[in-house]
C-alpha atoms as a PDB file:
ATOM      1  CA  MET A   1      10.441  18.384 -63.108  1.00  0.00           C
ATOM      2  CA  LYS A   2      12.578  16.180 -60.693  1.00  0.00           C
ATOM      3  CA  LYS A   3      10.684  17.919 -57.621  1.00  0.00           C
ATOM      4  CA  ARG A   4       7.316  17.047 -59.370  1.00  0.00           C
ATOM      5  CA  ILE A   5       8.300  13.354 -59.719  1.00  0.00           C
ATOM      6  CA  ALA A   6       9.955  13.203 -56.200  1.00  0.00           C
ATOM      7  CA  PHE A   7       6.698  14.850 -54.468  1.00  0.00           C
ATOM      8  CA  PHE A   8       4.521  12.235 -56.646  1.00  0.00           C
ATOM      9  CA  LEU A   9       6.681   9.190 -55.840  1.00  0.00           C
ATOM     10  CA  THR A  10       6.305  10.708 -52.162  1.00  0.00           C
ATOM     11  CA  PHE A  11       2.669  11.147 -52.398  1.00  0.00           C
ATOM     12  CA  CYS A  12       2.343   7.278 -53.766  1.00  0.00           C
ATOM     13  CA  LEU A  13       4.420   6.112 -51.063  1.00  0.00           C
ATOM     14  CA  LEU A  14       2.314   7.862 -48.185  1.00  0.00           C
ATOM     15  CA  PHE A  15      -0.933   6.163 -49.832  1.00  0.00           C
ATOM     16  CA  ALA A  16       0.930   2.813 -50.082  1.00  0.00           C
ATOM     17  CA  LEU A  17       1.689   2.795 -46.383  1.00  0.00           C
ATOM     18  CA  ALA A  18      -1.679   4.083 -45.196  1.00  0.00           C
ATOM     19  CA  GLY A  19      -3.173   1.139 -47.065  1.00  0.00           C
ATOM     20  CA  CYS A  20      -1.241  -1.220 -45.143  1.00  0.00           C
ATOM     21  CA  GLY A  21      -2.430   0.263 -41.887  1.00  0.00           C
ATOM     22  CA  GLY A  22      -5.266  -1.749 -41.465  1.00  0.00           C
ATOM     23  CA  ASN A  23      -8.715  -0.126 -39.988  1.00  0.00           C
ATOM     24  CA  GLY A  24      -7.182   1.142 -36.584  1.00  0.00           C
ATOM     25  CA  ALA A  25      -9.085  -1.349 -34.743  1.00  0.00           C
ATOM     26  CA  ASP A  26      -7.386  -3.733 -32.059  1.00  0.00           C
ATOM     27  CA  ASP A  27      -5.800  -6.565 -34.050  1.00  0.00           C
ATOM     28  CA  THR A  28      -5.689  -8.726 -30.741  1.00  0.00           C
ATOM     29  CA  SER A  29      -9.220  -9.553 -31.092  1.00  0.00           C
ATOM     30  CA  ASN A  30     -10.187 -13.003 -32.477  1.00  0.00           C
ATOM     31  CA  VAL A  31     -13.710 -12.087 -33.818  1.00  0.00           C
ATOM     32  CA  SER A  32     -12.856 -12.623 -37.298  1.00  0.00           C
ATOM     33  CA  SER A  33     -11.921 -16.339 -36.557  1.00  0.00           C
ATOM     34  CA  TYR A  34     -15.629 -16.870 -35.292  1.00  0.00           C
ATOM     35  CA  ASP A  35     -17.956 -17.478 -38.511  1.00  0.00           C
ATOM     36  CA  VAL A  36     -20.561 -19.899 -36.848  1.00  0.00           C
ATOM     37  CA  ASP A  37     -24.327 -18.562 -36.844  1.00  0.00           C
ATOM     38  CA  VAL A  38     -24.831 -18.512 -33.211  1.00  0.00           C
ATOM     39  CA  LEU A  39     -28.291 -17.229 -33.352  1.00  0.00           C
ATOM     40  CA  TYR A  40     -29.186 -19.891 -36.127  1.00  0.00           C
ATOM     41  CA  TYR A  41     -27.946 -22.636 -34.001  1.00  0.00           C
ATOM     42  CA  LEU A  42     -29.716 -21.345 -31.038  1.00  0.00           C
ATOM     43  CA  GLY A  43     -33.035 -21.231 -32.594  1.00  0.00           C
ATOM     44  CA  VAL A  44     -32.690 -24.774 -33.594  1.00  0.00           C
ATOM     45  CA  GLY A  45     -31.383 -25.787 -29.869  1.00  0.00           C
ATOM     46  CA  GLN A  46     -27.932 -27.065 -30.864  1.00  0.00           C
ATOM     47  CA  ILE A  47     -24.181 -26.378 -30.009  1.00  0.00           C
ATOM     48  CA  PRO A  48     -22.591 -27.281 -33.377  1.00  0.00           C
ATOM     49  CA  GLU A  49     -19.624 -28.919 -31.650  1.00  0.00           C
ATOM     50  CA  VAL A  50     -21.562 -31.173 -29.584  1.00  0.00           C
ATOM     51  CA  GLY A  51     -23.322 -34.106 -31.299  1.00  0.00           C
ATOM     52  CA  VAL A  52     -26.859 -33.759 -29.477  1.00  0.00           C
ATOM     53  CA  LYS A  53     -29.254 -31.202 -29.493  1.00  0.00           C
ATOM     54  CA  LEU A  54     -32.149 -30.043 -27.319  1.00  0.00           C
ATOM     55  CA  GLY A  55     -35.096 -32.770 -27.340  1.00  0.00           C
ATOM     56  CA  ASP A  56     -32.677 -35.675 -28.107  1.00  0.00           C
ATOM     57  CA  SER A  57     -33.475 -38.796 -25.755  1.00  0.00           C
ATOM     58  CA  GLU A  58     -31.049 -40.260 -23.405  1.00  0.00           C
ATOM     59  CA  GLU A  59     -30.642 -43.184 -26.005  1.00  0.00           C
ATOM     60  CA  GLN A  60     -29.525 -40.305 -28.580  1.00  0.00           C
ATOM     61  CA  VAL A  61     -27.162 -39.189 -26.188  1.00  0.00           C
ATOM     62  CA  CYS A  62     -25.523 -42.562 -25.641  1.00  0.00           C
ATOM     63  CA  ALA A  63     -25.593 -43.184 -29.445  1.00  0.00           C
ATOM     64  CA  ALA A  64     -23.559 -39.900 -30.151  1.00  0.00           C
ATOM     65  CA  TYR A  65     -20.804 -40.632 -27.808  1.00  0.00           C
ATOM     66  CA  SER A  66     -20.679 -44.367 -28.330  1.00  0.00           C
ATOM     67  CA  ASP A  67     -17.179 -45.261 -29.909  1.00  0.00           C
ATOM     68  CA  THR A  68     -17.088 -48.454 -32.132  1.00  0.00           C
ATOM     69  CA  SER A  69     -13.366 -48.607 -31.892  1.00  0.00           C
ATOM     70  CA  SER A  70     -13.910 -49.771 -28.216  1.00  0.00           C
ATOM     71  CA  ASP A  71     -14.616 -52.992 -29.479  1.00  0.00           C
ATOM     72  CA  GLU A  72     -11.370 -53.439 -31.271  1.00  0.00           C
ATOM     73  CA  GLU A  73      -8.718 -55.353 -29.832  1.00  0.00           C
ATOM     74  CA  THR A  74      -4.878 -54.309 -29.284  1.00  0.00           C
ATOM     75  CA  GLN A  75      -1.858 -56.507 -31.067  1.00  0.00           C
ATOM     76  CA  ASP A  76      -1.713 -58.198 -27.394  1.00  0.00           C
ATOM     77  CA  GLY A  77      -5.116 -59.276 -27.483  1.00  0.00           C
ATOM     78  CA  GLY A  78      -6.224 -56.532 -24.819  1.00  0.00           C
ATOM     79  CA  GLU A  79      -9.251 -54.374 -25.553  1.00  0.00           C
ATOM     80  CA  MET A  80      -8.696 -51.052 -26.889  1.00  0.00           C
ATOM     81  CA  PRO A  81      -9.450 -48.121 -24.613  1.00  0.00           C
ATOM     82  CA  GLY A  82     -12.866 -46.546 -25.958  1.00  0.00           C
ATOM     83  CA  GLY A  83     -13.651 -43.021 -26.642  1.00  0.00           C
ATOM     84  CA  ASP A  84     -15.998 -41.222 -24.820  1.00  0.00           C
ATOM     85  CA  SER A  85     -18.623 -43.030 -22.650  1.00  0.00           C
ATOM     86  CA  VAL A  86     -21.773 -41.566 -21.041  1.00  0.00           C
ATOM     87  CA  GLU A  87     -21.965 -41.758 -17.164  1.00  0.00           C
ATOM     88  CA  LYS A  88     -25.440 -41.387 -15.888  1.00  0.00           C
ATOM     89  CA  THR A  89     -26.219 -39.686 -12.430  1.00  0.00           C
ATOM     90  CA  GLU A  90     -29.953 -39.529 -11.205  1.00  0.00           C
ATOM     91  CA  GLY A  91     -30.906 -36.886  -8.600  1.00  0.00           C
ATOM     92  CA  GLU A  92     -34.424 -36.454  -6.832  1.00  0.00           C
ATOM     93  CA  GLN A  93     -35.851 -34.904 -10.125  1.00  0.00           C
ATOM     94  CA  THR A  94     -33.145 -34.602 -12.629  1.00  0.00           C
ATOM     95  CA  VAL A  95     -30.960 -36.899 -14.634  1.00  0.00           C
ATOM     96  CA  GLN A  96     -27.338 -35.745 -15.689  1.00  0.00           C
ATOM     97  CA  LEU A  97     -25.704 -37.736 -18.488  1.00  0.00           C
ATOM     98  CA  SER A  98     -21.878 -36.814 -18.589  1.00  0.00           C
ATOM     99  CA  THR A  99     -19.219 -37.457 -21.429  1.00  0.00           C
ATOM    100  CA  GLY A 100     -16.414 -35.476 -19.627  1.00  0.00           C
ATOM    101  CA  GLY A 101     -16.499 -32.401 -21.923  1.00  0.00           C
ATOM    102  CA  GLU A 102     -20.260 -32.098 -21.818  1.00  0.00           C
ATOM    103  CA  LEU A 103     -23.403 -32.490 -19.626  1.00  0.00           C
ATOM    104  CA  PHE A 104     -26.915 -33.202 -20.694  1.00  0.00           C
ATOM    105  CA  TYR A 105     -29.555 -32.908 -18.135  1.00  0.00           C
ATOM    106  CA  TYR A 106     -33.386 -33.724 -18.304  1.00  0.00           C
ATOM    107  CA  GLU A 107     -36.074 -33.526 -15.688  1.00  0.00           C
ATOM    108  CA  LYS A 108     -37.405 -36.921 -14.592  1.00  0.00           C
ATOM    109  CA  ALA A 109     -41.063 -35.871 -14.936  1.00  0.00           C
ATOM    110  CA  ARG A 110     -40.507 -34.550 -18.508  1.00  0.00           C
ATOM    111  CA  ALA A 111     -38.142 -37.425 -19.611  1.00  0.00           C
ATOM    112  CA  GLU A 112     -40.149 -38.018 -23.115  1.00  0.00           C
ATOM    113  CA  GLN A 113     -39.197 -34.449 -23.797  1.00  0.00           C
ATOM    114  CA  GLY A 114     -35.524 -35.449 -23.917  1.00  0.00           C
ATOM    115  CA  VAL A 115     -32.447 -33.205 -23.033  1.00  0.00           C
ATOM    116  CA  SER A 116     -33.302 -29.904 -21.543  1.00  0.00           C
ATOM    117  CA  VAL A 117     -30.056 -28.422 -20.875  1.00  0.00           C
ATOM    118  CA  ILE A 118     -26.588 -28.879 -22.697  1.00  0.00           C
ATOM    119  CA  VAL A 119     -23.507 -27.704 -20.903  1.00  0.00           C
ATOM    120  CA  SER A 120     -20.191 -27.420 -22.994  1.00  0.00           C
ATOM    121  CA  PHE A 121     -16.862 -26.947 -21.104  1.00  0.00           C
ATOM    122  CA  GLY A 122     -14.938 -27.287 -24.326  1.00  0.00           C
ATOM    123  CA  THR A 123     -15.480 -25.244 -27.857  1.00  0.00           C
ATOM    124  CA  ALA A 124     -18.980 -24.249 -28.344  1.00  0.00           C
ATOM    125  CA  TYR A 125     -20.065 -21.966 -31.259  1.00  0.00           C
ATOM    126  CA  GLY A 126     -16.228 -21.579 -32.289  1.00  0.00           C
ATOM    127  CA  PHE A 127     -15.425 -20.029 -28.938  1.00  0.00           C
ATOM    128  CA  GLN A 128     -12.804 -21.993 -27.230  1.00  0.00           C
ATOM    129  CA  GLU A 129     -12.838 -21.966 -23.478  1.00  0.00           C
ATOM    130  CA  ASN A 130     -10.276 -19.925 -21.492  1.00  0.00           C
ATOM    131  CA  ILE A 131      -9.353 -18.453 -24.659  1.00  0.00           C
ATOM    132  CA  ALA A 132     -12.505 -16.482 -25.931  1.00  0.00           C
ATOM    133  CA  LEU A 133     -13.199 -13.230 -24.166  1.00  0.00           C
ATOM    134  CA  LYS A 134     -16.422 -11.644 -23.426  1.00  0.00           C
ATOM    135  CA  ASP A 135     -16.025  -9.142 -26.020  1.00  0.00           C
ATOM    136  CA  ASP A 136     -15.270 -11.264 -28.498  1.00  0.00           C
ATOM    137  CA  VAL A 137     -18.642 -13.154 -27.981  1.00  0.00           C
ATOM    138  CA  ARG A 138     -20.477  -9.863 -27.927  1.00  0.00           C
ATOM    139  CA  ALA A 139     -18.923  -8.744 -31.252  1.00  0.00           C
ATOM    140  CA  ALA A 140     -19.299 -11.949 -32.821  1.00  0.00           C
ATOM    141  CA  VAL A 141     -23.052 -12.833 -31.715  1.00  0.00           C
ATOM    142  CA  ASN A 142     -23.833  -9.008 -33.096  1.00  0.00           C
ATOM    143  CA  ALA A 143     -27.061  -9.343 -31.103  1.00  0.00           C
ATOM    144  CA  GLU A 144     -28.665  -7.910 -27.972  1.00  0.00           C
ATOM    145  CA  ALA A 145     -27.475  -9.674 -24.883  1.00  0.00           C
ATOM    146  CA  GLN A 146     -28.479  -9.535 -21.397  1.00  0.00           C
ATOM    147  CA  GLU A 147     -25.826  -9.354 -18.834  1.00  0.00           C
ATOM    148  CA  LEU A 148     -25.999 -10.875 -15.846  1.00  0.00           C
ATOM    149  CA  THR A 149     -24.032 -11.910 -12.444  1.00  0.00           C
ATOM    150  CA  ALA A 150     -24.430 -15.577 -12.293  1.00  0.00           C
ATOM    151  CA  THR A 151     -26.339 -17.133  -8.861  1.00  0.00           C
ATOM    152  CA  PRO A 152     -25.088 -20.507  -7.404  1.00  0.00           C
ATOM    153  CA  GLU A 153     -28.292 -22.021  -8.831  1.00  0.00           C
ATOM    154  CA  GLN A 154     -27.375 -20.911 -12.152  1.00  0.00           C
ATOM    155  CA  MET A 155     -24.098 -22.454 -11.875  1.00  0.00           C
ATOM    156  CA  PHE A 156     -25.285 -25.697 -10.495  1.00  0.00           C
ATOM    157  CA  PHE A 157     -23.390 -27.755 -13.229  1.00  0.00           C
ATOM    158  CA  PHE A 158     -20.020 -26.506 -11.997  1.00  0.00           C
ATOM    159  CA  PRO A 159     -18.105 -29.451  -9.795  1.00  0.00           C
ATOM    160  CA  VAL A 160     -17.209 -26.535  -7.572  1.00  0.00           C
ATOM    161  CA  VAL A 161     -18.614 -23.087  -7.158  1.00  0.00           C
ATOM    162  CA  ASP A 162     -15.142 -21.213  -6.166  1.00  0.00           C
ATOM    163  CA  GLY A 163     -16.240 -17.565  -7.229  1.00  0.00           C
ATOM    164  CA  SER A 164     -18.633 -15.738  -9.135  1.00  0.00           C
ATOM    165  CA  CYS A 165     -19.131 -15.784 -13.112  1.00  0.00           C
ATOM    166  CA  ASP A 166     -20.555 -13.250 -15.533  1.00  0.00           C
ATOM    167  CA  ILE A 167     -23.289 -14.215 -17.905  1.00  0.00           C
ATOM    168  CA  LEU A 168     -23.872 -13.149 -21.596  1.00  0.00           C
ATOM    169  CA  ARG A 169     -27.460 -14.569 -22.320  1.00  0.00           C
ATOM    170  CA  TYR A 170     -29.286 -14.600 -25.372  1.00  0.00           C
ATOM    171  CA  THR A 171     -32.613 -16.130 -26.261  1.00  0.00           C
ATOM    172  CA  SER A 172     -34.934 -17.319 -29.194  1.00  0.00           C
ATOM    173  CA  GLY A 173     -38.358 -18.495 -28.284  1.00  0.00           C
ATOM    174  CA  SER A 174     -37.989 -20.778 -25.491  1.00  0.00           C
ATOM    175  CA  TYR A 175     -34.227 -21.442 -25.987  1.00  0.00           C
ATOM    176  CA  ARG A 176     -31.857 -19.760 -23.862  1.00  0.00           C
ATOM    177  CA  LEU A 177     -27.875 -19.524 -24.430  1.00  0.00           C
ATOM    178  CA  ASP A 178     -25.834 -18.543 -21.309  1.00  0.00           C
ATOM    179  CA  PHE A 179     -22.144 -17.872 -21.950  1.00  0.00           C
ATOM    180  CA  PHE A 180     -20.178 -17.923 -18.471  1.00  0.00           C
ATOM    181  CA  PHE A 181     -17.244 -15.887 -17.875  1.00  0.00           C
ATOM    182  CA  ARG A 182     -14.738 -15.755 -14.980  1.00  0.00           C
ATOM    183  CA  ASP A 183     -12.288 -12.788 -15.297  1.00  0.00           C
ATOM    184  CA  ASP A 184     -13.512 -12.223 -18.748  1.00  0.00           C
ATOM    185  CA  PHE A 185     -12.628 -15.583 -20.232  1.00  0.00           C
ATOM    186  CA  LEU A 186     -15.372 -18.161 -21.258  1.00  0.00           C
ATOM    187  CA  VAL A 187     -15.487 -21.132 -18.865  1.00  0.00           C
ATOM    188  CA  ALA A 188     -18.807 -22.668 -19.893  1.00  0.00           C
ATOM    189  CA  THR A 189     -21.589 -22.732 -22.218  1.00  0.00           C
ATOM    190  CA  THR A 190     -25.148 -23.900 -21.625  1.00  0.00           C
ATOM    191  CA  LEU A 191     -28.309 -24.134 -23.820  1.00  0.00           C
ATOM    192  CA  THR A 192     -31.568 -24.577 -22.134  1.00  0.00           C
ATOM    193  CA  ASP A 193     -35.126 -25.318 -23.371  1.00  0.00           C
ATOM    194  CA  THR A 194     -36.868 -23.200 -20.565  1.00  0.00           C
ATOM    195  CA  GLU A 195     -40.431 -24.831 -21.206  1.00  0.00           C
ATOM    196  CA  ASN A 196     -38.878 -28.212 -19.990  1.00  0.00           C
ATOM    197  CA  TRP A 197     -36.395 -27.307 -17.487  1.00  0.00           C
ATOM    198  CA  THR A 198     -37.310 -25.626 -14.249  1.00  0.00           C
ATOM    199  CA  ASP A 199     -34.661 -22.929 -12.707  1.00  0.00           C
END
């Protein structure tokens, strides 16, 4: 009888330990922390962490990044440093609006169509720059991606192009979402309205 009880307890202990072992997958991935529906936001032309979406006007970009606290005064009567401001740079054919962490572009000839490219150097769709890996994005989006090596023309928004990047590309209608990776780490995310932007 004691042997049967010992055998039964051993059997229960083995099942309890097996239940604590997880599913055998690599637990170093951050996929479970990414719960943004990337394909939904791609379809509506938006990066959820950015206060602007494709098609928004320059005025809407400026309004989204204006900080009303910049009008407040400090105790000594000086002006408080404001939040983000928008810096405008005009090229021959395009306009760039920069907030520091994001860039917005539109073509002058299609200005009435609003923002045609959004570039994020920070968190986009829950993926953090320099933390998220290519495999994290691929697994979290769970859709067919085109894998490319970026050309210098595709990296026009980087201040200095000092090497190559890999791209994971997703599309929905005329909207194109590119995740740029250097050494498998996310370095930038772009969302483009291909109908209103000439590559």
